[in-house]
PDB file of N, CA and C in Angstrom:
ATOM      1  N   MET A   1     -21.768  -7.030 -19.101  1.00  0.00           N
ATOM      2  CA  MET A   1     -20.281  -6.652 -19.536  1.00  0.00           C
ATOM      3  C   MET A   1     -20.764  -7.108 -17.077  1.00  0.00           C
ATOM      4  N   GLY A   2     -19.753  -7.740 -16.695  1.00  0.00           N
ATOM      5  CA  GLY A   2     -20.428  -8.159 -14.805  1.00  0.00           C
ATOM      6  C   GLY A   2     -18.971  -8.120 -14.022  1.00  0.00           C
ATOM      7  N   MET A   3     -19.351  -7.607 -12.904  1.00  0.00           N
ATOM      8  CA  MET A   3     -17.960  -7.775 -12.375  1.00  0.00           C
ATOM      9  C   MET A   3     -17.103  -8.622 -13.236  1.00  0.00           C
ATOM     10  N   ILE A   4     -15.697  -8.889 -12.457  1.00  0.00           N
ATOM     11  CA  ILE A   4     -14.741  -9.067 -13.023  1.00  0.00           C
ATOM     12  C   ILE A   4     -14.340  -9.885 -12.261  1.00  0.00           C
ATOM     13  N   THR A   5     -13.803 -11.206 -12.255  1.00  0.00           N
ATOM     14  CA  THR A   5     -13.484 -12.514 -11.007  1.00  0.00           C
ATOM     15  C   THR A   5     -11.951 -12.006 -11.420  1.00  0.00           C
ATOM     16  N   ASP A   6     -11.089 -11.335 -12.125  1.00  0.00           N
ATOM     17  CA  ASP A   6      -9.556 -11.204 -12.247  1.00  0.00           C
ATOM     18  C   ASP A   6      -9.876 -10.294 -11.772  1.00  0.00           C
ATOM     19  N   TRP A   7      -9.833  -9.132 -11.303  1.00  0.00           N
ATOM     20  CA  TRP A   7      -9.069  -8.328 -10.958  1.00  0.00           C
ATOM     21  C   TRP A   7      -8.543  -7.447 -10.051  1.00  0.00           C
ATOM     22  N   PRO A   8      -7.621  -8.230  -9.450  1.00  0.00           N
ATOM     23  CA  PRO A   8      -5.919  -7.859  -9.282  1.00  0.00           C
ATOM     24  C   PRO A   8      -5.428  -7.468 -10.837  1.00  0.00           C
ATOM     25  N   SER A   9      -5.256  -8.289 -12.040  1.00  0.00           N
ATOM     26  CA  SER A   9      -4.506  -8.423 -12.566  1.00  0.00           C
ATOM     27  C   SER A   9      -4.615  -7.472 -13.436  1.00  0.00           C
ATOM     28  N   LEU A  10      -6.085  -6.157 -13.368  1.00  0.00           N
ATOM     29  CA  LEU A  10      -6.022  -5.506 -14.374  1.00  0.00           C
ATOM     30  C   LEU A  10      -5.648  -3.867 -13.337  1.00  0.00           C
ATOM     31  N   ALA A  11      -5.867  -4.168 -11.717  1.00  0.00           N
ATOM     32  CA  ALA A  11      -5.596  -3.296 -11.090  1.00  0.00           C
ATOM     33  C   ALA A  11      -4.986  -2.075 -11.374  1.00  0.00           C
ATOM     34  N   ALA A  12      -5.541  -0.765 -11.222  1.00  0.00           N
ATOM     35  CA  ALA A  12      -4.392   0.344 -11.534  1.00  0.00           C
ATOM     36  C   ALA A  12      -2.790   0.868 -10.751  1.00  0.00           C
ATOM     37  N   CYS A  13      -3.205   0.424 -10.357  1.00  0.00           N
ATOM     38  CA  CYS A  13      -2.132  -0.209  -8.597  1.00  0.00           C
ATOM     39  C   CYS A  13      -0.760  -1.376  -9.181  1.00  0.00           C
ATOM     40  N   GLN A  14      -1.657  -2.843  -9.533  1.00  0.00           N
ATOM     41  CA  GLN A  14      -0.828  -4.114  -9.546  1.00  0.00           C
ATOM     42  C   GLN A  14       1.148  -3.453  -9.896  1.00  0.00           C
ATOM     43  N   ASN A  15       1.740  -2.005 -10.628  1.00  0.00           N
ATOM     44  CA  ASN A  15       2.662  -1.976 -10.864  1.00  0.00           C
ATOM     45  C   ASN A  15       3.218  -1.460 -10.152  1.00  0.00           C
ATOM     46  N   GLY A  16       2.738  -0.446  -9.282  1.00  0.00           N
ATOM     47  CA  GLY A  16       2.594   0.617  -8.022  1.00  0.00           C
ATOM     48  C   GLY A  16       3.419  -0.072  -6.899  1.00  0.00           C
ATOM     49  N   ASP A  17       3.635   1.025  -5.619  1.00  0.00           N
ATOM     50  CA  ASP A  17       4.435   0.525  -5.357  1.00  0.00           C
ATOM     51  C   ASP A  17       3.681  -0.235  -3.959  1.00  0.00           C
ATOM     52  N   PRO A  18       2.977  -0.827  -3.074  1.00  0.00           N
ATOM     53  CA  PRO A  18       1.047  -1.214  -2.895  1.00  0.00           C
ATOM     54  C   PRO A  18       1.902  -0.748  -1.078  1.00  0.00           C
ATOM     55  N   ASP A  19       3.109   0.304  -1.231  1.00  0.00           N
ATOM     56  CA  ASP A  19       3.270   0.360   0.626  1.00  0.00           C
ATOM     57  C   ASP A  19       2.436   1.507   0.106  1.00  0.00           C
ATOM     58  N   ALA A  20       2.513   2.730  -1.225  1.00  0.00           N
ATOM     59  CA  ALA A  20       1.445   3.833  -1.376  1.00  0.00           C
ATOM     60  C   ALA A  20      -0.292   3.398  -1.115  1.00  0.00           C
ATOM     61  N   LEU A  21      -0.500   2.749  -0.766  1.00  0.00           N
ATOM     62  CA  LEU A  21      -2.121   2.107   0.385  1.00  0.00           C
ATOM     63  C   LEU A  21      -2.153   1.879   1.267  1.00  0.00           C
ATOM     64  N   PHE A  22      -1.287   1.890   2.106  1.00  0.00           N
ATOM     65  CA  PHE A  22      -1.143   2.199   3.215  1.00  0.00           C
ATOM     66  C   PHE A  22      -0.540   3.259   3.669  1.00  0.00           C
ATOM     67  N   VAL A  23      -1.199   4.229   4.166  1.00  0.00           N
ATOM     68  CA  VAL A  23      -1.172   5.374   3.866  1.00  0.00           C
ATOM     69  C   VAL A  23      -2.230   5.873   5.757  1.00  0.00           C
ATOM     70  N   GLN A  24      -1.636   6.804   5.550  1.00  0.00           N
ATOM     71  CA  GLN A  24      -2.389   7.885   7.138  1.00  0.00           C
ATOM     72  C   GLN A  24      -2.577   8.692   6.635  1.00  0.00           C
ATOM     73  N   GLY A  25      -4.023   9.750   7.047  1.00  0.00           N
ATOM     74  CA  GLY A  25      -4.287  11.136   6.818  1.00  0.00           C
ATOM     75  C   GLY A  25      -3.872  11.522   5.731  1.00  0.00           C
ATOM     76  N   ALA A  26      -3.704  12.655   5.974  1.00  0.00           N
ATOM     77  CA  ALA A  26      -3.572  13.411   4.229  1.00  0.00           C
ATOM     78  C   ALA A  26      -3.013  12.495   3.427  1.00  0.00           C
ATOM     79  N   GLU A  27      -2.187  11.544   3.646  1.00  0.00           N
ATOM     80  CA  GLU A  27      -1.224  10.357   2.223  1.00  0.00           C
ATOM     81  C   GLU A  27      -2.675   9.982   1.513  1.00  0.00           C
ATOM     82  N   GLN A  28      -3.974   9.455   2.779  1.00  0.00           N
ATOM     83  CA  GLN A  28      -5.322   8.970   2.145  1.00  0.00           C
ATOM     84  C   GLN A  28      -5.891   9.110   0.700  1.00  0.00           C
ATOM     85  N   ASN A  29      -5.775  10.507   0.598  1.00  0.00           N
ATOM     86  CA  ASN A  29      -6.263  10.988  -0.226  1.00  0.00           C
ATOM     87  C   ASN A  29      -5.349  11.046  -1.832  1.00  0.00           C
ATOM     88  N   VAL A  30      -5.027  11.354  -1.397  1.00  0.00           N
ATOM     89  CA  VAL A  30      -3.745  10.742  -2.690  1.00  0.00           C
ATOM     90  C   VAL A  30      -3.070   9.468  -2.923  1.00  0.00           C
ATOM     91  N   ALA A  31      -4.024   8.815  -1.795  1.00  0.00           N
ATOM     92  CA  ALA A  31      -3.722   6.941  -2.835  1.00  0.00           C
ATOM     93  C   ALA A  31      -5.162   7.113  -2.705  1.00  0.00           C
ATOM     94  N   LYS A  32      -6.265   7.485  -2.680  1.00  0.00           N
ATOM     95  CA  LYS A  32      -7.536   7.252  -3.824  1.00  0.00           C
ATOM     96  C   LYS A  32      -7.371   8.283  -4.864  1.00  0.00           C
ATOM     97  N   ARG A  33      -6.417   8.142  -4.654  1.00  0.00           N
ATOM     98  CA  ARG A  33      -7.198   9.194  -6.822  1.00  0.00           C
ATOM     99  C   ARG A  33      -5.774   7.790  -7.081  1.00  0.00           C
ATOM    100  N   ILE A  34      -4.766   7.428  -7.131  1.00  0.00           N
ATOM    101  CA  ILE A  34      -4.890   6.139  -7.603  1.00  0.00           C
ATOM    102  C   ILE A  34      -6.731   5.628  -8.289  1.00  0.00           C
ATOM    103  N   CYS A  35      -7.379   5.722  -7.648  1.00  0.00           N
ATOM    104  CA  CYS A  35      -8.317   4.086  -7.689  1.00  0.00           C
ATOM    105  C   CYS A  35      -9.825   4.721  -8.525  1.00  0.00           C
ATOM    106  N   ARG A  36     -10.091   6.419  -8.987  1.00  0.00           N
ATOM    107  CA  ARG A  36     -10.465   6.816  -9.639  1.00  0.00           C
ATOM    108  C   ARG A  36     -10.420   6.751 -11.073  1.00  0.00           C
ATOM    109  N   SER A  37      -9.177   6.663 -11.837  1.00  0.00           N
ATOM    110  CA  SER A  37      -9.901   5.742 -12.990  1.00  0.00           C
ATOM    111  C   SER A  37      -9.214   4.826 -13.323  1.00  0.00           C
ATOM    112  N   CYS A  38      -9.721   3.214 -12.477  1.00  0.00           N
ATOM    113  CA  CYS A  38      -9.397   2.038 -12.059  1.00  0.00           C
ATOM    114  C   CYS A  38     -10.242   0.943 -12.841  1.00  0.00           C
ATOM    115  N   PRO A  39     -10.005   0.922 -13.406  1.00  0.00           N
ATOM    116  CA  PRO A  39     -11.269  -0.350 -14.327  1.00  0.00           C
ATOM    117  C   PRO A  39     -11.483  -1.063 -13.678  1.00  0.00           C
ATOM    118  N   VAL A  40     -10.352  -1.518 -12.542  1.00  0.00           N
ATOM    119  CA  VAL A  40     -11.747  -3.007 -11.861  1.00  0.00           C
ATOM    120  C   VAL A  40     -11.838  -1.948  -9.652  1.00  0.00           C
ATOM    121  N   ARG A  41     -12.190  -1.014 -10.075  1.00  0.00           N
ATOM    122  CA  ARG A  41     -12.285   0.114  -8.790  1.00  0.00           C
ATOM    123  C   ARG A  41     -13.098  -0.539  -7.800  1.00  0.00           C
ATOM    124  N   TYR A  42     -14.202  -0.770  -9.068  1.00  0.00           N
ATOM    125  CA  TYR A  42     -15.623  -2.104  -7.534  1.00  0.00           C
ATOM    126  C   TYR A  42     -15.505  -3.415  -7.226  1.00  0.00           C
ATOM    127  N   GLU A  43     -15.110  -4.170  -8.376  1.00  0.00           N
ATOM    128  CA  GLU A  43     -14.500  -5.395  -7.840  1.00  0.00           C
ATOM    129  C   GLU A  43     -13.122  -5.269  -6.889  1.00  0.00           C
ATOM    130  N   CYS A  44     -13.550  -4.777  -6.212  1.00  0.00           N
ATOM    131  CA  CYS A  44     -11.231  -4.401  -5.394  1.00  0.00           C
ATOM    132  C   CYS A  44     -12.428  -3.981  -4.375  1.00  0.00           C
ATOM    133  N   LEU A  45     -12.755  -2.537  -4.368  1.00  0.00           N
ATOM    134  CA  LEU A  45     -13.930  -2.171  -2.902  1.00  0.00           C
ATOM    135  C   LEU A  45     -14.897  -3.391  -2.377  1.00  0.00           C
ATOM    136  N   ALA A  46     -15.665  -4.188  -3.492  1.00  0.00           N
ATOM    137  CA  ALA A  46     -16.094  -5.180  -2.555  1.00  0.00           C
ATOM    138  C   ALA A  46     -15.792  -6.268  -2.279  1.00  0.00           C
ATOM    139  N   ASP A  47     -14.847  -7.226  -3.172  1.00  0.00           N
ATOM    140  CA  ASP A  47     -14.032  -8.164  -2.219  1.00  0.00           C
ATOM    141  C   ASP A  47     -13.511  -7.564  -0.592  1.00  0.00           C
ATOM    142  N   ALA A  48     -12.572  -5.980  -1.062  1.00  0.00           N
ATOM    143  CA  ALA A  48     -12.270  -5.998   0.108  1.00  0.00           C
ATOM    144  C   ALA A  48     -13.572  -5.302   1.274  1.00  0.00           C
ATOM    145  N   LEU A  49     -14.442  -4.795   1.450  1.00  0.00           N
ATOM    146  CA  LEU A  49     -16.370  -4.763   1.675  1.00  0.00           C
ATOM    147  C   LEU A  49     -16.555  -6.552   2.505  1.00  0.00           C
ATOM    148  N   ASP A  50     -16.709  -7.805   1.683  1.00  0.00           N
ATOM    149  CA  ASP A  50     -16.915  -9.025   1.073  1.00  0.00           C
ATOM    150  C   ASP A  50     -15.760  -9.469   2.639  1.00  0.00           C
ATOM    151  N   ASN A  51     -14.817  -9.147   2.389  1.00  0.00           N
ATOM    152  CA  ASN A  51     -13.938  -9.440   3.190  1.00  0.00           C
ATOM    153  C   ASN A  51     -13.026  -9.180   4.289  1.00  0.00           C
ATOM    154  N   ARG A  52     -13.903  -7.162   4.751  1.00  0.00           N
ATOM    155  CA  ARG A  52     -13.836  -6.873   5.668  1.00  0.00           C
ATOM    156  C   ARG A  52     -11.983  -6.830   6.573  1.00  0.00           C
ATOM    157  N   ILE A  53     -11.555  -6.687   5.097  1.00  0.00           N
ATOM    158  CA  ILE A  53     -10.316  -6.138   5.199  1.00  0.00           C
ATOM    159  C   ILE A  53     -10.426  -4.459   6.033  1.00  0.00           C
ATOM    160  N   GLU A  54      -9.253  -4.432   6.602  1.00  0.00           N
ATOM    161  CA  GLU A  54      -9.478  -3.367   7.932  1.00  0.00           C
ATOM    162  C   GLU A  54      -8.183  -1.936   8.010  1.00  0.00           C
ATOM    163  N   PHE A  55      -7.282  -2.499   6.812  1.00  0.00           N
ATOM    164  CA  PHE A  55      -6.209  -1.543   6.447  1.00  0.00           C
ATOM    165  C   PHE A  55      -5.737  -0.944   4.589  1.00  0.00           C
ATOM    166  N   GLY A  56      -6.132   0.078   4.695  1.00  0.00           N
ATOM    167  CA  GLY A  56      -5.004   0.286   3.528  1.00  0.00           C
ATOM    168  C   GLY A  56      -6.791   1.543   2.754  1.00  0.00           C
ATOM    169  N   VAL A  57      -6.278   1.483   1.980  1.00  0.00           N
ATOM    170  CA  VAL A  57      -7.571   2.297   0.465  1.00  0.00           C
ATOM    171  C   VAL A  57      -7.014   1.118  -0.946  1.00  0.00           C
ATOM    172  N   TRP A  58      -8.276   0.557  -0.586  1.00  0.00           N
ATOM    173  CA  TRP A  58      -9.560  -0.424  -1.203  1.00  0.00           C
ATOM    174  C   TRP A  58     -10.897  -0.204  -2.795  1.00  0.00           C
ATOM    175  N   GLY A  59     -10.229  -0.173  -3.464  1.00  0.00           N
ATOM    176  CA  GLY A  59     -12.259   0.485  -3.694  1.00  0.00           C
ATOM    177  C   GLY A  59     -12.276   1.689  -4.152  1.00  0.00           C
ATOM    178  N   GLY A  60     -10.773   2.767  -3.604  1.00  0.00           N
ATOM    179  CA  GLY A  60     -10.943   3.968  -3.919  1.00  0.00           C
ATOM    180  C   GLY A  60     -12.006   4.453  -1.852  1.00  0.00           C
ATOM    181  N   MET A  61     -11.419   3.892  -1.102  1.00  0.00           N
ATOM    182  CA  MET A  61     -11.964   4.356  -0.020  1.00  0.00           C
ATOM    183  C   MET A  61     -10.564   3.909   0.675  1.00  0.00           C
ATOM    184  N   THR A  62     -10.797   3.996   1.831  1.00  0.00           N
ATOM    185  CA  THR A  62     -10.091   4.742   3.597  1.00  0.00           C
ATOM    186  C   THR A  62     -10.717   3.249   4.188  1.00  0.00           C
ATOM    187  N   GLU A  63     -10.415   2.586   5.139  1.00  0.00           N
ATOM    188  CA  GLU A  63     -10.262   2.197   5.739  1.00  0.00           C
ATOM    189  C   GLU A  63     -11.446   2.207   6.871  1.00  0.00           C
ATOM    190  N   ARG A  64     -11.628   3.703   7.655  1.00  0.00           N
ATOM    191  CA  ARG A  64     -12.881   4.557   7.963  1.00  0.00           C
ATOM    192  C   ARG A  64     -14.395   4.043   7.408  1.00  0.00           C
ATOM    193  N   GLU A  65     -13.989   5.040   6.146  1.00  0.00           N
ATOM    194  CA  GLU A  65     -15.282   5.106   5.054  1.00  0.00           C
ATOM    195  C   GLU A  65     -15.577   3.280   4.714  1.00  0.00           C
ATOM    196  N   ARG A  66     -14.842   2.685   4.793  1.00  0.00           N
ATOM    197  CA  ARG A  66     -15.464   1.270   4.027  1.00  0.00           C
ATOM    198  C   ARG A  66     -15.983   0.792   6.001  1.00  0.00           C
ATOM    199  N   ARG A  67     -15.614   0.937   6.813  1.00  0.00           N
ATOM    200  CA  ARG A  67     -16.703   0.740   8.559  1.00  0.00           C
ATOM    201  C   ARG A  67     -17.809   1.288   8.313  1.00  0.00           C
ATOM    202  N   ALA A  68     -17.570   2.643   7.839  1.00  0.00           N
ATOM    203  CA  ALA A  68     -18.965   3.095   7.815  1.00  0.00           C
ATOM    204  C   ALA A  68     -19.746   3.070   7.265  1.00  0.00           C
ATOM    205  N   LEU A  69     -19.795   2.307   6.155  1.00  0.00           N
ATOM    206  CA  LEU A  69     -20.348   2.084   5.006  1.00  0.00           C
ATOM    207  C   LEU A  69     -21.597   0.613   5.846  1.00  0.00           C
ATOM    208  N   LEU A  70     -20.446  -0.117   6.105  1.00  0.00           N
ATOM    209  CA  LEU A  70     -20.664  -1.725   6.542  1.00  0.00           C
ATOM    210  C   LEU A  70     -21.676  -1.094   7.341  1.00  0.00           C
ATOM    211  N   ARG A  71     -21.526  -0.669   8.691  1.00  0.00           N
ATOM    212  CA  ARG A  71     -23.014   0.362   9.902  1.00  0.00           C
ATOM    213  C   ARG A  71     -23.506  -0.165   9.117  1.00  0.00           C
ATOM    214  N   ARG A  72     -23.834   1.213   8.411  1.00  0.00           N
ATOM    215  CA  ARG A  72     -25.621   1.865   7.404  1.00  0.00           C
ATOM    216  C   ARG A  72     -25.428   0.682   6.465  1.00  0.00           C
ATOM    217  N   HIS A  73     -24.733  -0.226   6.898  1.00  0.00           N
ATOM    218  CA  HIS A  73     -25.441  -1.567   5.199  1.00  0.00           C
ATOM    219  C   HIS A  73     -25.408  -3.044   6.239  1.00  0.00           C
ATOM    220  N   PRO A  74     -25.335  -3.045   7.502  1.00  0.00           N
ATOM    221  CA  PRO A  74     -25.547  -4.881   7.854  1.00  0.00           C
ATOM    222  C   PRO A  74     -26.248  -5.990   6.833  1.00  0.00           C
ATOM    223  N   GLN A  75     -27.240  -5.056   6.362  1.00  0.00           N
ATOM    224  CA  GLN A  75     -27.966  -6.271   5.946  1.00  0.00           C
ATOM    225  C   GLN A  75     -27.451  -7.291   4.302  1.00  0.00           C
ATOM    226  N   VAL A  76     -26.283  -6.381   4.548  1.00  0.00           N
ATOM    227  CA  VAL A  76     -25.861  -6.834   3.085  1.00  0.00           C
ATOM    228  C   VAL A  76     -24.812  -7.638   3.605  1.00  0.00           C
ATOM    229  N   THR A  77     -24.709  -9.400   2.271  1.00  0.00           N
ATOM    230  CA  THR A  77     -24.723 -10.581   3.726  1.00  0.00           C
ATOM    231  C   THR A  77     -22.643  -9.945   1.791  1.00  0.00           C
ATOM    232  N   SER A  78     -23.133  -9.621   0.197  1.00  0.00           N
ATOM    233  CA  SER A  78     -22.086  -9.493   0.298  1.00  0.00           C
ATOM    234  C   SER A  78     -21.748  -8.156  -0.779  1.00  0.00           C
ATOM    235  N   TRP A  79     -21.179  -8.092  -0.656  1.00  0.00           N
ATOM    236  CA  TRP A  79     -21.112  -6.318  -1.498  1.00  0.00           C
ATOM    237  C   TRP A  79     -21.124  -6.969  -3.187  1.00  0.00           C
ATOM    238  N   ARG A  80     -20.291  -7.962  -4.288  1.00  0.00           N
ATOM    239  CA  ARG A  80     -19.973  -8.389  -5.004  1.00  0.00           C
ATOM    240  C   ARG A  80     -21.714  -8.766  -5.471  1.00  0.00           C
ATOM    241  N   LYS A  81     -22.004  -9.617  -4.787  1.00  0.00           N
ATOM    242  CA  LYS A  81     -24.029 -10.173  -5.277  1.00  0.00           C
ATOM    243  C   LYS A  81     -24.632  -8.706  -5.414  1.00  0.00           C
ATOM    244  N   MET A  82     -24.206  -7.702  -4.300  1.00  0.00           N
ATOM    245  CA  MET A  82     -25.670  -5.905  -4.139  1.00  0.00           C
ATOM    246  C   MET A  82     -25.169  -6.104  -5.494  1.00  0.00           C
ATOM    247  N   PHE A  83     -22.912  -5.381  -6.211  1.00  0.00           N
ATOM    248  CA  PHE A  83     -23.170  -4.885  -7.134  1.00  0.00           C
ATOM    249  C   PHE A  83     -23.535  -4.976  -7.891  1.00  0.00           C
ATOM    250  N   GLU A  84     -23.314  -6.883  -8.353  1.00  0.00           N
ATOM    251  CA  GLU A  84     -23.474  -6.901 -10.069  1.00  0.00           C
ATOM    252  C   GLU A  84     -25.188  -7.033  -9.848  1.00  0.00           C
ATOM    253  N   ALA A  85     -25.627  -7.512  -9.089  1.00  0.00           N
ATOM    254  CA  ALA A  85     -27.511  -7.296  -9.525  1.00  0.00           C
ATOM    255  C   ALA A  85     -27.849  -5.268  -9.907  1.00  0.00           C
ATOM    256  N   ALA A  86     -27.431  -5.080  -9.198  1.00  0.00           N
ATOM    257  CA  ALA A  86     -27.426  -3.187  -9.740  1.00  0.00           C
ATOM    258  C   ALA A  86     -26.631  -2.649 -11.059  1.00  0.00           C
ATOM    259  N   MET A  87     -25.506  -2.990 -11.306  1.00  0.00           N
ATOM    260  CA  MET A  87     -24.821  -3.649 -12.168  1.00  0.00           C
ATOM    261  C   MET A  87     -26.497  -3.726 -13.334  1.00  0.00           C
ATOM    262  N   LYS A  88     -26.700  -4.776 -13.134  1.00  0.00           N
ATOM    263  CA  LYS A  88     -27.722  -5.912 -14.743  1.00  0.00           C
ATOM    264  C   LYS A  88     -28.687  -4.885 -13.980  1.00  0.00           C
ATOM    265  N   LYS A  89     -29.170  -3.851 -12.742  1.00  0.00           N
ATOM    266  CA  LYS A  89     -30.213  -3.195 -12.653  1.00  0.00           C
ATOM    267  C   LYS A  89     -30.463  -2.416 -13.387  1.00  0.00           C
ATOM    268  N   ASN A  90     -29.265  -1.788 -14.185  1.00  0.00           N
ATOM    269  CA  ASN A  90     -28.862   0.241 -13.821  1.00  0.00           C
ATOM    270  C   ASN A  90     -28.283   0.529 -14.937  1.00  0.00           C
ATOM    271  N   GLY A  91     -27.425  -1.048 -15.814  1.00  0.00           N
ATOM    272  CA  GLY A  91     -26.912  -0.615 -16.560  1.00  0.00           C
ATOM    273  C   GLY A  91     -25.077  -1.181 -16.584  1.00  0.00           C
ATOM    274  N   LYS A  92     -25.020  -1.890 -16.841  1.00  0.00           N
ATOM    275  CA  LYS A  92     -23.716  -2.093 -16.890  1.00  0.00           C
ATOM    276  C   LYS A  92     -22.563  -1.828 -17.662  1.00  0.00           C
ATOM    277  N   ASP A  93     -22.424  -0.031 -18.349  1.00  0.00           N
ATOM    278  CA  ASP A  93     -20.761   0.499 -18.239  1.00  0.00           C
ATOM    279  C   ASP A  93     -20.609   1.788 -16.298  1.00  0.00           C
ATOM    280  N   LYS A  94     -19.178   2.001 -16.805  1.00  0.00           N
ATOM    281  CA  LYS A  94     -18.415   2.685 -16.004  1.00  0.00           C
ATOM    282  C   LYS A  94     -19.850   3.546 -14.795  1.00  0.00           C
ATOM    283  N   ALA A  95     -20.273   4.622 -15.613  1.00  0.00           N
ATOM    284  CA  ALA A  95     -20.934   4.955 -15.343  1.00  0.00           C
ATOM    285  C   ALA A  95     -22.726   4.511 -13.748  1.00  0.00           C
ATOM    286  N   GLY A  96     -23.185   3.543 -14.841  1.00  0.00           N
ATOM    287  CA  GLY A  96     -23.867   2.764 -14.343  1.00  0.00           C
ATOM    288  C   GLY A  96     -23.778   2.120 -12.068  1.00  0.00           C
ATOM    289  N   LYS A  97     -21.443   1.890 -12.535  1.00  0.00           N
ATOM    290  CA  LYS A  97     -21.228   1.958 -11.657  1.00  0.00           C
ATOM    291  C   LYS A  97     -20.850   2.817 -10.419  1.00  0.00           C
ATOM    292  N   ASP A  98     -20.460   4.028 -11.479  1.00  0.00           N
ATOM    293  CA  ASP A  98     -20.196   4.864 -10.748  1.00  0.00           C
ATOM    294  C   ASP A  98     -22.041   5.429  -9.652  1.00  0.00           C
ATOM    295  N   LYS A  99     -23.044   5.206 -10.694  1.00  0.00           N
ATOM    296  CA  LYS A  99     -24.607   4.777  -9.425  1.00  0.00           C
ATOM    297  C   LYS A  99     -24.690   4.543  -8.637  1.00  0.00           C
ATOM    298  N   ILE A 100     -24.040   3.125  -8.723  1.00  0.00           N
ATOM    299  CA  ILE A 100     -23.642   2.055  -7.731  1.00  0.00           C
ATOM    300  C   ILE A 100     -23.598   2.166  -6.848  1.00  0.00           C
ATOM    301  N   LEU A 101     -22.460   2.539  -6.517  1.00  0.00           N
ATOM    302  CA  LEU A 101     -21.238   2.792  -5.230  1.00  0.00           C
ATOM    303  C   LEU A 101     -21.976   3.823  -4.859  1.00  0.00           C
ATOM    304  N   VAL A 102     -22.783   4.829  -5.550  1.00  0.00           N
ATOM    305  CA  VAL A 102     -23.365   6.401  -4.453  1.00  0.00           C
ATOM    306  C   VAL A 102     -24.469   6.156  -3.712  1.00  0.00           C
ATOM    307  N   SER A 103     -25.110   5.243  -5.253  1.00  0.00           N
ATOM    308  CA  SER A 103     -26.597   4.596  -3.907  1.00  0.00           C
ATOM    309  C   SER A 103     -25.849   3.575  -2.789  1.00  0.00           C
ATOM    310  N   ALA A 104     -25.151   3.538  -2.759  1.00  0.00           N
ATOM    311  CA  ALA A 104     -24.380   2.683  -1.643  1.00  0.00           C
ATOM    312  C   ALA A 104     -23.948   2.605  -0.157  1.00  0.00           C
ATOM    313  N   ALA A 105     -23.451   3.601  -1.318  1.00  0.00           N
ATOM    314  CA  ALA A 105     -22.679   4.995  -0.163  1.00  0.00           C
ATOM    315  C   ALA A 105     -23.724   5.627   0.993  1.00  0.00           C
ATOM    316  N   THR A 106     -25.437   5.380   0.252  1.00  0.00           N
ATOM    317  CA  THR A 106     -25.679   7.352   1.061  1.00  0.00           C
ATOM    318  C   THR A 106     -26.837   6.249   2.163  1.00  0.00           C
TER     319      THR A 106
END
């Protein structure tokens, strides 16, 4: 099982208030909790990174966290492809996805 193409239809936030993900300050931590158990968290994050989405919480990361990740890894031209390759290398389960995000974020 690789990255899911039609990820928005499976997102944990799809039936909630979309404005809840576009907040500032400490409220962002509440918004990030929505993403913790989302089955398509990394697809969402890859989409936000690849498309340089500037506002909101996507894939469990705030705009500030995504900008920092992009600055640390300017060589990545496709986050989706990078996550897919890492999933293939490290295993395709959720635990493998968590390892991918941790390695990408450092």
